[in-house]
C-alpha atoms as a PDB file:
ATOM      1  CA  UNK A   1       0.000   0.000   0.000  1.00  0.00           C
ATOM      2  CA  UNK A   2       2.935   2.320   0.631  1.00  0.00           C
ATOM      3  CA  UNK A   3       5.558   1.651  -2.076  1.00  0.00           C
ATOM      4  CA  UNK A   4       8.964   3.199  -1.788  1.00  0.00           C
ATOM      5  CA  UNK A   5       9.627   6.420  -3.764  1.00  0.00           C
ATOM      6  CA  UNK A   6      11.556   4.686  -6.545  1.00  0.00           C
ATOM      7  CA  UNK A   7      10.762   3.579 -10.066  1.00  0.00           C
ATOM      8  CA  UNK A   8       9.321   5.288 -13.098  1.00  0.00           C
ATOM      9  CA  UNK A   9       7.673   8.634 -12.524  1.00  0.00           C
ATOM     10  CA  UNK A  10       4.817   9.336 -14.986  1.00  0.00           C
ATOM     11  CA  UNK A  11       4.450  13.125 -15.279  1.00  0.00           C
ATOM     12  CA  UNK A  12       1.427  15.042 -16.535  1.00  0.00           C
ATOM     13  CA  UNK A  13       1.515  15.502 -20.292  1.00  0.00           C
ATOM     14  CA  UNK A  14       3.828  18.304 -21.346  1.00  0.00           C
ATOM     15  CA  UNK A  15       5.657  18.456 -18.004  1.00  0.00           C
ATOM     16  CA  UNK A  16       8.892  16.997 -16.686  1.00  0.00           C
ATOM     17  CA  UNK A  17       7.840  15.953 -13.192  1.00  0.00           C
ATOM     18  CA  UNK A  18       4.285  17.015 -12.337  1.00  0.00           C
ATOM     19  CA  UNK A  19       1.442  15.116 -10.687  1.00  0.00           C
ATOM     20  CA  UNK A  20      -2.145  16.088  -9.981  1.00  0.00           C
ATOM     21  CA  UNK A  21      -3.908  15.689  -6.636  1.00  0.00           C
ATOM     22  CA  UNK A  22      -7.697  15.921  -6.539  1.00  0.00           C
ATOM     23  CA  UNK A  23      -8.375  16.774  -2.894  1.00  0.00           C
ATOM     24  CA  UNK A  24     -12.003  16.368  -1.807  1.00  0.00           C
ATOM     25  CA  UNK A  25     -13.977  16.812   1.357  1.00  0.00           C
ATOM     26  CA  UNK A  26     -16.527  14.125   2.179  1.00  0.00           C
ATOM     27  CA  UNK A  27     -20.194  14.792   1.515  1.00  0.00           C
ATOM     28  CA  UNK A  28     -22.705  16.071   4.055  1.00  0.00           C
ATOM     29  CA  UNK A  29     -23.255  14.086   7.258  1.00  0.00           C
ATOM     30  CA  UNK A  30     -25.561  14.455  10.255  1.00  0.00           C
ATOM     31  CA  UNK A  31     -23.525  15.153  13.388  1.00  0.00           C
ATOM     32  CA  UNK A  32     -26.625  15.458  15.630  1.00  0.00           C
ATOM     33  CA  UNK A  33     -29.619  13.255  16.311  1.00  0.00           C
ATOM     34  CA  UNK A  34     -33.276  14.289  16.071  1.00  0.00           C
ATOM     35  CA  UNK A  35     -33.091  15.771  19.582  1.00  0.00           C
ATOM     36  CA  UNK A  36     -30.061  17.899  18.744  1.00  0.00           C
ATOM     37  CA  UNK A  37     -27.614  15.742  20.694  1.00  0.00           C
ATOM     38  CA  UNK A  38     -24.123  15.170  19.218  1.00  0.00           C
ATOM     39  CA  UNK A  39     -23.446  11.814  17.575  1.00  0.00           C
ATOM     40  CA  UNK A  40     -20.104  10.023  17.541  1.00  0.00           C
ATOM     41  CA  UNK A  41     -18.297  11.704  14.604  1.00  0.00           C
ATOM     42  CA  UNK A  42     -16.269   8.530  13.982  1.00  0.00           C
ATOM     43  CA  UNK A  43     -19.485   6.771  12.969  1.00  0.00           C
ATOM     44  CA  UNK A  44     -21.070   9.600  10.971  1.00  0.00           C
ATOM     45  CA  UNK A  45     -22.336   8.427   7.569  1.00  0.00           C
ATOM     46  CA  UNK A  46     -23.397  10.350   4.495  1.00  0.00           C
ATOM     47  CA  UNK A  47     -26.914  11.733   4.358  1.00  0.00           C
ATOM     48  CA  UNK A  48     -28.859  11.679   1.094  1.00  0.00           C
ATOM     49  CA  UNK A  49     -27.584  15.212   0.505  1.00  0.00           C
ATOM     50  CA  UNK A  50     -24.061  13.917   1.080  1.00  0.00           C
ATOM     51  CA  UNK A  51     -24.521  11.076  -1.393  1.00  0.00           C
ATOM     52  CA  UNK A  52     -25.739  13.521  -4.004  1.00  0.00           C
ATOM     53  CA  UNK A  53     -22.672  15.706  -3.395  1.00  0.00           C
ATOM     54  CA  UNK A  54     -20.393  12.681  -3.733  1.00  0.00           C
ATOM     55  CA  UNK A  55     -22.121  11.566  -6.933  1.00  0.00           C
ATOM     56  CA  UNK A  56     -21.709  15.071  -8.373  1.00  0.00           C
ATOM     57  CA  UNK A  57     -17.993  14.993  -7.566  1.00  0.00           C
ATOM     58  CA  UNK A  58     -17.709  11.560  -9.128  1.00  0.00           C
ATOM     59  CA  UNK A  59     -19.463  12.735 -12.284  1.00  0.00           C
ATOM     60  CA  UNK A  60     -17.137  15.726 -12.566  1.00  0.00           C
ATOM     61  CA  UNK A  61     -14.066  13.500 -12.225  1.00  0.00           C
ATOM     62  CA  UNK A  62     -15.384  10.732 -14.472  1.00  0.00           C
ATOM     63  CA  UNK A  63     -13.251  12.086 -17.318  1.00  0.00           C
ATOM     64  CA  UNK A  64     -10.095  12.395 -15.217  1.00  0.00           C
ATOM     65  CA  UNK A  65      -7.468   9.696 -15.676  1.00  0.00           C
ATOM     66  CA  UNK A  66      -7.486   8.625 -12.036  1.00  0.00           C
ATOM     67  CA  UNK A  67      -4.884   6.050 -11.063  1.00  0.00           C
ATOM     68  CA  UNK A  68      -5.629   5.844  -7.322  1.00  0.00           C
ATOM     69  CA  UNK A  69      -8.424   6.860  -4.930  1.00  0.00           C
ATOM     70  CA  UNK A  70      -7.660   7.266  -1.225  1.00  0.00           C
ATOM     71  CA  UNK A  71      -9.661   8.200   1.866  1.00  0.00           C
ATOM     72  CA  UNK A  72      -8.986   8.678   5.565  1.00  0.00           C
ATOM     73  CA  UNK A  73     -10.738   5.418   6.422  1.00  0.00           C
ATOM     74  CA  UNK A  74     -13.724   6.898   8.268  1.00  0.00           C
ATOM     75  CA  UNK A  75     -17.135   5.891   6.909  1.00  0.00           C
ATOM     76  CA  UNK A  76     -18.012   9.314   5.515  1.00  0.00           C
ATOM     77  CA  UNK A  77     -14.789   9.575   3.504  1.00  0.00           C
ATOM     78  CA  UNK A  78     -14.954   5.979   2.295  1.00  0.00           C
ATOM     79  CA  UNK A  79     -18.571   6.355   1.155  1.00  0.00           C
ATOM     80  CA  UNK A  80     -17.645   9.508  -0.747  1.00  0.00           C
ATOM     81  CA  UNK A  81     -14.513   7.951  -2.223  1.00  0.00           C
ATOM     82  CA  UNK A  82     -16.405   4.880  -3.427  1.00  0.00           C
ATOM     83  CA  UNK A  83     -18.751   7.080  -5.467  1.00  0.00           C
ATOM     84  CA  UNK A  84     -15.756   8.964  -6.907  1.00  0.00           C
ATOM     85  CA  UNK A  85     -13.921   5.712  -7.714  1.00  0.00           C
ATOM     86  CA  UNK A  86     -16.898   3.887  -9.219  1.00  0.00           C
ATOM     87  CA  UNK A  87     -16.669   5.308 -12.789  1.00  0.00           C
ATOM     88  CA  UNK A  88     -13.006   4.211 -12.900  1.00  0.00           C
ATOM     89  CA  UNK A  89     -13.416   0.739 -11.412  1.00  0.00           C
ATOM     90  CA  UNK A  90     -10.750   1.549  -8.831  1.00  0.00           C
ATOM     91  CA  UNK A  91     -10.477   0.227  -5.257  1.00  0.00           C
ATOM     92  CA  UNK A  92     -10.488   2.749  -2.404  1.00  0.00           C
ATOM     93  CA  UNK A  93      -7.372   2.782  -0.219  1.00  0.00           C
ATOM     94  CA  UNK A  94      -7.574   3.760   3.463  1.00  0.00           C
ATOM     95  CA  UNK A  95      -4.886   6.198   4.608  1.00  0.00           C
ATOM     96  CA  UNK A  96      -5.392   7.062   8.309  1.00  0.00           C
ATOM     97  CA  UNK A  97      -2.666   9.731   8.250  1.00  0.00           C
ATOM     98  CA  UNK A  98      -5.393  11.942   6.752  1.00  0.00           C
ATOM     99  CA  UNK A  99      -7.810  11.574   9.672  1.00  0.00           C
ATOM    100  CA  UNK A 100      -9.438  14.806  10.834  1.00  0.00           C
ATOM    101  CA  UNK A 101      -8.127  17.117  13.537  1.00  0.00           C
ATOM    102  CA  UNK A 102     -10.083  16.373  16.719  1.00  0.00           C
ATOM    103  CA  UNK A 103     -11.668  18.865  19.090  1.00  0.00           C
ATOM    104  CA  UNK A 104     -11.560  18.396  22.851  1.00  0.00           C
ATOM    105  CA  UNK A 105     -14.522  17.370  25.000  1.00  0.00           C
ATOM    106  CA  UNK A 106     -17.396  19.832  25.136  1.00  0.00           C
ATOM    107  CA  UNK A 107     -17.435  19.601  28.925  1.00  0.00           C
ATOM    108  CA  UNK A 108     -13.907  20.993  29.026  1.00  0.00           C
ATOM    109  CA  UNK A 109     -14.843  24.261  27.301  1.00  0.00           C
ATOM    110  CA  UNK A 110     -16.958  26.838  29.180  1.00  0.00           C
ATOM    111  CA  UNK A 111     -20.172  27.678  27.381  1.00  0.00           C
ATOM    112  CA  UNK A 112     -19.163  31.310  26.849  1.00  0.00           C
ATOM    113  CA  UNK A 113     -15.971  30.178  25.069  1.00  0.00           C
ATOM    114  CA  UNK A 114     -17.468  27.538  22.774  1.00  0.00           C
ATOM    115  CA  UNK A 115     -18.100  29.769  19.782  1.00  0.00           C
ATOM    116  CA  UNK A 116     -14.487  30.933  19.690  1.00  0.00           C
ATOM    117  CA  UNK A 117     -13.109  27.450  20.376  1.00  0.00           C
ATOM    118  CA  UNK A 118     -15.243  25.406  17.993  1.00  0.00           C
ATOM    119  CA  UNK A 119     -16.965  27.589  15.400  1.00  0.00           C
ATOM    120  CA  UNK A 120     -14.019  29.933  14.906  1.00  0.00           C
ATOM    121  CA  UNK A 121     -11.279  27.657  16.185  1.00  0.00           C
ATOM    122  CA  UNK A 122      -9.143  27.916  13.046  1.00  0.00           C
ATOM    123  CA  UNK A 123      -8.825  31.674  13.548  1.00  0.00           C
ATOM    124  CA  UNK A 124      -6.435  31.012  16.427  1.00  0.00           C
ATOM    125  CA  UNK A 125      -4.317  28.341  14.718  1.00  0.00           C
ATOM    126  CA  UNK A 126      -0.712  28.576  15.912  1.00  0.00           C
ATOM    127  CA  UNK A 127       2.320  26.361  16.435  1.00  0.00           C
ATOM    128  CA  UNK A 128       1.560  25.943  20.132  1.00  0.00           C
ATOM    129  CA  UNK A 129      -2.238  25.980  19.798  1.00  0.00           C
ATOM    130  CA  UNK A 130      -4.884  23.267  19.978  1.00  0.00           C
ATOM    131  CA  UNK A 131      -8.207  22.987  18.221  1.00  0.00           C
ATOM    132  CA  UNK A 132     -10.925  23.478  20.850  1.00  0.00           C
ATOM    133  CA  UNK A 133      -8.665  21.947  23.487  1.00  0.00           C
ATOM    134  CA  UNK A 134      -8.063  18.830  21.398  1.00  0.00           C
ATOM    135  CA  UNK A 135      -5.385  18.021  18.823  1.00  0.00           C
ATOM    136  CA  UNK A 136      -2.466  20.376  18.373  1.00  0.00           C
ATOM    137  CA  UNK A 137      -2.498  22.255  15.073  1.00  0.00           C
ATOM    138  CA  UNK A 138       1.225  21.738  14.446  1.00  0.00           C
ATOM    139  CA  UNK A 139       1.090  17.995  15.128  1.00  0.00           C
ATOM    140  CA  UNK A 140      -1.771  17.467  12.666  1.00  0.00           C
ATOM    141  CA  UNK A 141      -0.061  19.700  10.106  1.00  0.00           C
ATOM    142  CA  UNK A 142       3.135  17.670  10.378  1.00  0.00           C
ATOM    143  CA  UNK A 143       1.226  14.394  10.031  1.00  0.00           C
ATOM    144  CA  UNK A 144      -0.758  15.289   6.923  1.00  0.00           C
ATOM    145  CA  UNK A 145       2.078  17.133   5.161  1.00  0.00           C
ATOM    146  CA  UNK A 146       4.454  14.196   5.692  1.00  0.00           C
ATOM    147  CA  UNK A 147       1.784  11.861   4.304  1.00  0.00           C
ATOM    148  CA  UNK A 148       1.075  13.901   1.182  1.00  0.00           C
ATOM    149  CA  UNK A 149       4.773  14.414   0.444  1.00  0.00           C
ATOM    150  CA  UNK A 150       5.269  10.644   0.677  1.00  0.00           C
ATOM    151  CA  UNK A 151       2.372  10.123  -1.719  1.00  0.00           C
ATOM    152  CA  UNK A 152       3.728  12.471  -4.379  1.00  0.00           C
ATOM    153  CA  UNK A 153       7.057  10.643  -4.327  1.00  0.00           C
ATOM    154  CA  UNK A 154       5.474   7.217  -4.836  1.00  0.00           C
ATOM    155  CA  UNK A 155       5.613   5.642  -8.307  1.00  0.00           C
ATOM    156  CA  UNK A 156       2.854   4.457 -10.552  1.00  0.00           C
ATOM    157  CA  UNK A 157       0.371   7.311 -10.620  1.00  0.00           C
ATOM    158  CA  UNK A 158      -0.225  10.647 -12.303  1.00  0.00           C
ATOM    159  CA  UNK A 159      -3.736  11.551 -11.072  1.00  0.00           C
ATOM    160  CA  UNK A 160      -4.767  10.746  -7.502  1.00  0.00           C
ATOM    161  CA  UNK A 161      -8.010  11.519  -5.666  1.00  0.00           C
ATOM    162  CA  UNK A 162      -7.913  11.891  -1.885  1.00  0.00           C
ATOM    163  CA  UNK A 163     -11.137  12.234   0.111  1.00  0.00           C
ATOM    164  CA  UNK A 164     -10.385  13.765   3.496  1.00  0.00           C
ATOM    165  CA  UNK A 165     -11.825  16.296   5.934  1.00  0.00           C
ATOM    166  CA  UNK A 166     -12.348  20.010   6.469  1.00  0.00           C
ATOM    167  CA  UNK A 167      -9.348  20.622   8.737  1.00  0.00           C
ATOM    168  CA  UNK A 168      -7.055  18.250   6.847  1.00  0.00           C
ATOM    169  CA  UNK A 169      -7.823  19.905   3.526  1.00  0.00           C
ATOM    170  CA  UNK A 170      -7.174  23.326   5.027  1.00  0.00           C
ATOM    171  CA  UNK A 171      -3.784  22.070   6.229  1.00  0.00           C
ATOM    172  CA  UNK A 172      -2.889  20.774   2.762  1.00  0.00           C
ATOM    173  CA  UNK A 173      -4.002  23.943   0.987  1.00  0.00           C
ATOM    174  CA  UNK A 174      -1.979  26.008   3.447  1.00  0.00           C
ATOM    175  CA  UNK A 175       1.016  23.754   2.706  1.00  0.00           C
ATOM    176  CA  UNK A 176       0.427  24.148  -1.021  1.00  0.00           C
ATOM    177  CA  UNK A 177       0.503  27.945  -0.900  1.00  0.00           C
ATOM    178  CA  UNK A 178       3.244  28.142   1.728  1.00  0.00           C
ATOM    179  CA  UNK A 179       1.159  30.229   4.129  1.00  0.00           C
ATOM    180  CA  UNK A 180       1.350  27.912   7.124  1.00  0.00           C
ATOM    181  CA  UNK A 181      -1.171  27.627   9.933  1.00  0.00           C
ATOM    182  CA  UNK A 182      -2.191  31.290   9.650  1.00  0.00           C
ATOM    183  CA  UNK A 183      -4.140  30.459   6.480  1.00  0.00           C
ATOM    184  CA  UNK A 184      -6.368  27.726   7.928  1.00  0.00           C
ATOM    185  CA  UNK A 185      -9.338  29.991   8.592  1.00  0.00           C
ATOM    186  CA  UNK A 186      -9.327  31.369   5.031  1.00  0.00           C
ATOM    187  CA  UNK A 187      -9.616  28.059   3.150  1.00  0.00           C
ATOM    188  CA  UNK A 188     -13.321  27.277   3.469  1.00  0.00           C
ATOM    189  CA  UNK A 189     -14.212  23.649   2.664  1.00  0.00           C
ATOM    190  CA  UNK A 190     -17.863  23.006   1.903  1.00  0.00           C
ATOM    191  CA  UNK A 191     -19.272  19.481   2.043  1.00  0.00           C
ATOM    192  CA  UNK A 192     -18.407  17.505  -1.087  1.00  0.00           C
ATOM    193  CA  UNK A 193     -16.005  20.141  -2.377  1.00  0.00           C
ATOM    194  CA  UNK A 194     -13.081  19.604  -4.745  1.00  0.00           C
ATOM    195  CA  UNK A 195      -9.615  21.190  -4.726  1.00  0.00           C
ATOM    196  CA  UNK A 196      -6.925  20.586  -7.352  1.00  0.00           C
ATOM    197  CA  UNK A 197      -3.212  20.789  -6.553  1.00  0.00           C
ATOM    198  CA  UNK A 198      -0.373  20.049  -8.976  1.00  0.00           C
ATOM    199  CA  UNK A 199       2.951  19.064  -7.443  1.00  0.00           C
ATOM    200  CA  UNK A 200       6.435  18.911  -8.984  1.00  0.00           C
ATOM    201  CA  UNK A 201       9.187  16.764  -7.480  1.00  0.00           C
ATOM    202  CA  UNK A 202      12.837  16.761  -8.394  1.00  0.00           C
ATOM    203  CA  UNK A 203      13.482  14.122 -11.010  1.00  0.00           C
ATOM    204  CA  UNK A 204      16.287  12.720 -13.083  1.00  0.00           C
ATOM    205  CA  UNK A 205      14.892  13.533 -16.525  1.00  0.00           C
ATOM    206  CA  UNK A 206      17.258  11.038 -18.106  1.00  0.00           C
ATOM    207  CA  UNK A 207      15.537   8.007 -16.590  1.00  0.00           C
ATOM    208  CA  UNK A 208      12.349   9.519 -15.153  1.00  0.00           C
ATOM    209  CA  UNK A 209      13.020   8.460 -11.583  1.00  0.00           C
ATOM    210  CA  UNK A 210      11.417  10.488  -8.838  1.00  0.00           C
ATOM    211  CA  UNK A 211      13.606  12.096  -6.228  1.00  0.00           C
ATOM    212  CA  UNK A 212      12.778  12.931  -2.663  1.00  0.00           C
ATOM    213  CA  UNK A 213      12.068  16.661  -2.730  1.00  0.00           C
ATOM    214  CA  UNK A 214       8.916  18.594  -3.548  1.00  0.00           C
ATOM    215  CA  UNK A 215      10.047  21.601  -5.554  1.00  0.00           C
ATOM    216  CA  UNK A 216       6.791  23.253  -6.644  1.00  0.00           C
ATOM    217  CA  UNK A 217       3.098  23.313  -5.698  1.00  0.00           C
ATOM    218  CA  UNK A 218       0.429  24.836  -7.937  1.00  0.00           C
ATOM    219  CA  UNK A 219      -3.146  25.375  -6.731  1.00  0.00           C
ATOM    220  CA  UNK A 220      -5.536  24.922  -9.664  1.00  0.00           C
ATOM    221  CA  UNK A 221      -8.894  25.066  -7.876  1.00  0.00           C
ATOM    222  CA  UNK A 222     -10.209  25.581  -4.344  1.00  0.00           C
ATOM    223  CA  UNK A 223     -13.528  24.607  -2.714  1.00  0.00           C
ATOM    224  CA  UNK A 224     -15.327  23.888  -5.970  1.00  0.00           C
ATOM    225  CA  UNK A 225     -18.767  22.407  -5.218  1.00  0.00           C
ATOM    226  CA  UNK A 226     -19.627  20.324  -8.318  1.00  0.00           C
ATOM    227  CA  UNK A 227     -23.365  20.158  -7.674  1.00  0.00           C
ATOM    228  CA  UNK A 228     -23.678  23.856  -6.804  1.00  0.00           C
ATOM    229  CA  UNK A 229     -20.821  25.852  -8.377  1.00  0.00           C
ATOM    230  CA  UNK A 230     -22.496  29.207  -7.681  1.00  0.00           C
ATOM    231  CA  UNK A 231     -22.742  28.356  -3.943  1.00  0.00           C
ATOM    232  CA  UNK A 232     -26.463  29.111  -3.943  1.00  0.00           C
ATOM    233  CA  UNK A 233     -27.757  28.897  -0.379  1.00  0.00           C
ATOM    234  CA  UNK A 234     -24.309  28.160   1.050  1.00  0.00           C
ATOM    235  CA  UNK A 235     -24.052  31.087   3.433  1.00  0.00           C
ATOM    236  CA  UNK A 236     -22.764  29.507   6.628  1.00  0.00           C
ATOM    237  CA  UNK A 237     -19.207  28.272   6.997  1.00  0.00           C
ATOM    238  CA  UNK A 238     -18.580  24.564   7.407  1.00  0.00           C
ATOM    239  CA  UNK A 239     -17.704  25.049  11.090  1.00  0.00           C
ATOM    240  CA  UNK A 240     -20.803  27.168  11.704  1.00  0.00           C
ATOM    241  CA  UNK A 241     -22.882  24.322  10.325  1.00  0.00           C
ATOM    242  CA  UNK A 242     -21.012  21.554  12.150  1.00  0.00           C
ATOM    243  CA  UNK A 243     -20.556  23.178  15.562  1.00  0.00           C
ATOM    244  CA  UNK A 244     -23.276  25.829  15.749  1.00  0.00           C
ATOM    245  CA  UNK A 245     -25.730  23.526  17.582  1.00  0.00           C
ATOM    246  CA  UNK A 246     -23.157  22.968  20.335  1.00  0.00           C
ATOM    247  CA  UNK A 247     -23.584  26.555  21.473  1.00  0.00           C
ATOM    248  CA  UNK A 248     -27.081  25.797  22.768  1.00  0.00           C
ATOM    249  CA  UNK A 249     -26.155  22.693  24.742  1.00  0.00           C
ATOM    250  CA  UNK A 250     -25.612  22.782  28.510  1.00  0.00           C
END
């Protein structure tokens, strides 16, 4: 599942050493039950809206020459990835290094601080900070960046789709533009969205073997929602939608 970064490197047509990463967020899920109580996010599955978003992403990428489709391994990313992979007849690979950043327990955050900690938690991203008292921003950044840099050095693919999560995608977009943690709050990630990142690695052009260094990152698209490109009705941020109901809980 994790081949070493050796062997032939197939670049995008017209380039010396470029690969394309289709980075998606999973489709819509229900994080609360009918009574407004939080559900276990590890078990959250796609809603019908989420399946429609995943099918729209799959239809948009049906013409892409996908070689691999990966997900974080959680149900909502796997369900989305399977709909993206279906037109290509590809298996979905689990890659837990792309699991979402985790917030701390609600009981550990005073009610008056919940909006800042959860809904606007990415505003305060810093090297020594934690997301809502949970995972450290820097630790998650290091995990997902190391994983994506390993992927782009692996042989045998030119186009790869990765279905991950809101916070993870923000980390990877911040890595791609070189802005660091300070950019997390700016990269909105709607449910079922698609980002496109091209990556160059150093390569021996004589034999086409990939090296071990990422030398260039090009952002081609950000937060494209295939089923609703004009963002009609999408007025709340993803964190406002996911964590807003927490503000009313005791």
